[in-house]
Amino acid sequence: MKLEMLSKEEVEERKYEEKAGMINIYACPACRKIVVYVYADSGTTPISITCDGCGGESFSQIAVTRQPSRYWYRPKSLKELEAIVDEAFEAVKDDYENIEEKGAEIKAIILHNFIEHFNSGGLFSKGIA
């Protein structure tokens, strides 16, 4: 299976509500933790993410009065996307038995899912230094 990333122009031909520069928050109703994001690029983001505070579900809401601590962005190259895959793999590898035998397969699955996410206009997140 050949995996290809769509060009920025191909992705931008699609219509999205979230535009670069917008600010939104993810709020957890269980522990009330709030994480503020800014969109570095236009694209789509998940309606909910795992809460950093309690592991519950945080939901996206538009916010304009808070300073962002994270941002949504679009990787500029396949190499940058592969680096994101490496980070994701490192974060989950301890959850798998026989990681030595299945590591390459798990990384390939993560890469495939991330490219599908990217090609559908999906953005990725990073902390603001």
Protein backbone atom coordinates (compact mmCIF):
# COMPACT_ATOMS: atom_id res chain seq x y z
CA MET A 1 0.00 0.00 0.00
CA LYS A 2 1.41 3.38 -1.02
CA LEU A 3 0.83 6.21 1.44
CA GLU A 4 0.86 9.77 0.12
CA MET A 5 0.18 13.07 1.83
CA LEU A 6 -2.09 15.47 -0.01
CA SER A 7 -0.60 18.83 -0.89
CA LYS A 8 -1.60 21.90 1.12
CA GLU A 9 -3.51 23.14 -1.93
CA GLU A 10 -5.43 19.85 -2.25
CA VAL A 11 -6.39 19.95 1.41
CA GLU A 12 -7.30 23.66 1.29
CA GLU A 13 -9.72 22.99 -1.59
CA ARG A 14 -11.93 21.33 1.02
CA LYS A 15 -14.07 23.57 3.25
CA TYR A 16 -13.35 23.77 7.00
CA GLU A 17 -14.77 25.93 9.77
CA GLU A 18 -11.60 26.13 11.88
CA LYS A 19 -9.32 28.84 10.51
CA ALA A 20 -5.72 29.71 11.38
CA GLY A 21 -5.57 32.13 14.31
CA MET A 22 -8.78 30.90 15.99
CA ILE A 23 -8.57 30.00 19.67
CA ASN A 24 -10.55 27.19 21.26
CA ILE A 25 -10.49 25.21 24.48
CA TYR A 26 -10.96 21.61 25.51
CA ALA A 27 -12.80 21.40 28.82
CA CYS A 28 -13.18 18.27 30.93
CA PRO A 29 -16.51 18.12 32.76
CA ALA A 30 -15.16 15.53 35.24
CA CYS A 31 -12.11 17.35 36.65
CA ARG A 32 -12.75 20.81 35.10
CA LYS A 33 -9.26 21.00 33.55
CA ILE A 34 -9.10 23.35 30.56
CA VAL A 35 -6.48 23.28 27.80
CA VAL A 36 -6.35 26.25 25.41
CA TYR A 37 -5.36 25.79 21.75
CA VAL A 38 -4.64 28.20 18.91
CA TYR A 39 -4.93 27.09 15.28
CA ALA A 40 -1.57 27.59 13.53
CA ASP A 41 -3.16 26.24 10.34
CA SER A 42 -6.70 25.91 9.04
CA GLY A 43 -8.15 22.40 9.28
CA THR A 44 -10.24 20.04 11.33
CA THR A 45 -9.73 18.90 14.90
CA PRO A 46 -11.42 16.31 17.10
CA ILE A 47 -14.59 17.24 19.00
CA SER A 48 -13.06 15.57 22.07
CA ILE A 49 -9.64 14.51 23.34
CA THR A 50 -8.35 12.59 26.36
CA CYS A 51 -8.06 14.87 29.39
CA ASP A 52 -4.48 15.44 30.60
CA GLY A 53 -5.80 15.79 34.16
CA CYS A 54 -7.95 12.75 34.82
CA GLY A 55 -7.91 10.66 31.64
CA GLY A 56 -11.58 11.42 31.01
CA GLU A 57 -12.97 13.14 27.92
CA SER A 58 -12.43 16.86 27.24
CA PHE A 59 -14.75 18.58 24.76
CA SER A 60 -13.93 21.35 22.29
CA GLN A 61 -15.46 24.79 22.84
CA ILE A 62 -14.74 28.14 21.22
CA ALA A 63 -12.92 30.57 23.52
CA VAL A 64 -11.56 34.04 22.93
CA THR A 65 -10.43 35.25 26.37
CA ARG A 66 -7.67 32.79 27.32
CA GLN A 67 -4.03 32.49 26.28
CA PRO A 68 -3.29 29.25 24.41
CA SER A 69 -0.96 26.61 25.85
CA ARG A 70 -1.08 24.33 22.78
CA TYR A 71 -1.64 24.80 19.07
CA TRP A 72 -3.05 22.85 16.13
CA TYR A 73 -0.81 22.70 13.07
CA ARG A 74 -0.29 20.90 9.76
CA PRO A 75 3.00 19.00 9.28
CA LYS A 76 4.90 20.39 6.29
CA SER A 77 6.55 17.14 5.14
CA LEU A 78 6.35 13.37 5.39
CA LYS A 79 9.55 13.49 7.48
CA GLU A 80 7.84 15.77 10.02
CA LEU A 81 4.81 13.44 10.08
CA GLU A 82 7.11 10.46 10.64
CA ALA A 83 8.62 12.28 13.64
CA ILE A 84 5.09 12.67 15.06
CA VAL A 85 4.57 8.93 14.53
CA ASP A 86 7.81 8.21 16.41
CA GLU A 87 6.58 10.36 19.35
CA ALA A 88 3.20 8.61 19.33
CA PHE A 89 4.88 5.19 19.21
CA GLU A 90 7.13 6.07 22.16
CA ALA A 91 4.05 7.15 24.12
CA VAL A 92 2.23 3.82 23.63
CA LYS A 93 4.96 1.19 23.23
CA ASP A 94 4.91 0.18 26.90
CA ASP A 95 1.23 -0.77 26.48
CA TYR A 96 2.11 -3.63 24.08
CA GLU A 97 3.47 -7.07 24.82
CA ASN A 98 6.21 -8.39 22.52
CA ILE A 99 6.99 -4.87 21.28
CA GLU A 100 10.25 -6.13 19.75
CA GLU A 101 8.29 -8.42 17.42
CA LYS A 102 5.42 -6.07 16.57
CA GLY A 103 7.03 -2.62 16.79
CA ALA A 104 7.38 -2.08 13.02
CA GLU A 105 3.80 -3.22 12.42
CA ILE A 106 2.45 -0.89 15.13
CA LYS A 107 4.43 2.06 13.73
CA ALA A 108 3.09 1.32 10.23
CA ILE A 109 -0.48 1.33 11.56
CA ILE A 110 0.09 4.63 13.38
CA LEU A 111 1.64 6.18 10.24
CA HIS A 112 -1.26 4.97 8.09
CA ASN A 113 -3.82 6.42 10.52
CA PHE A 114 -1.96 9.73 10.79
CA ILE A 115 -1.70 10.09 6.99
CA GLU A 116 -5.44 9.36 6.68
CA HIS A 117 -6.06 12.02 9.36
CA PHE A 118 -3.79 14.49 7.51
CA ASN A 119 -5.38 13.80 4.12
CA SER A 120 -8.85 14.41 5.53
CA GLY A 121 -7.71 17.88 6.66
CA GLY A 122 -6.86 16.87 10.21
CA LEU A 123 -4.37 18.87 12.26
CA PHE A 124 -1.90 17.78 14.95
CA SER A 125 -1.16 19.42 18.30
CA LYS A 126 1.97 20.74 20.01
CA GLY A 127 2.67 22.56 23.25
CA ILE A 128 3.66 26.21 23.12
CA ALA A 129 7.15 26.68 24.51
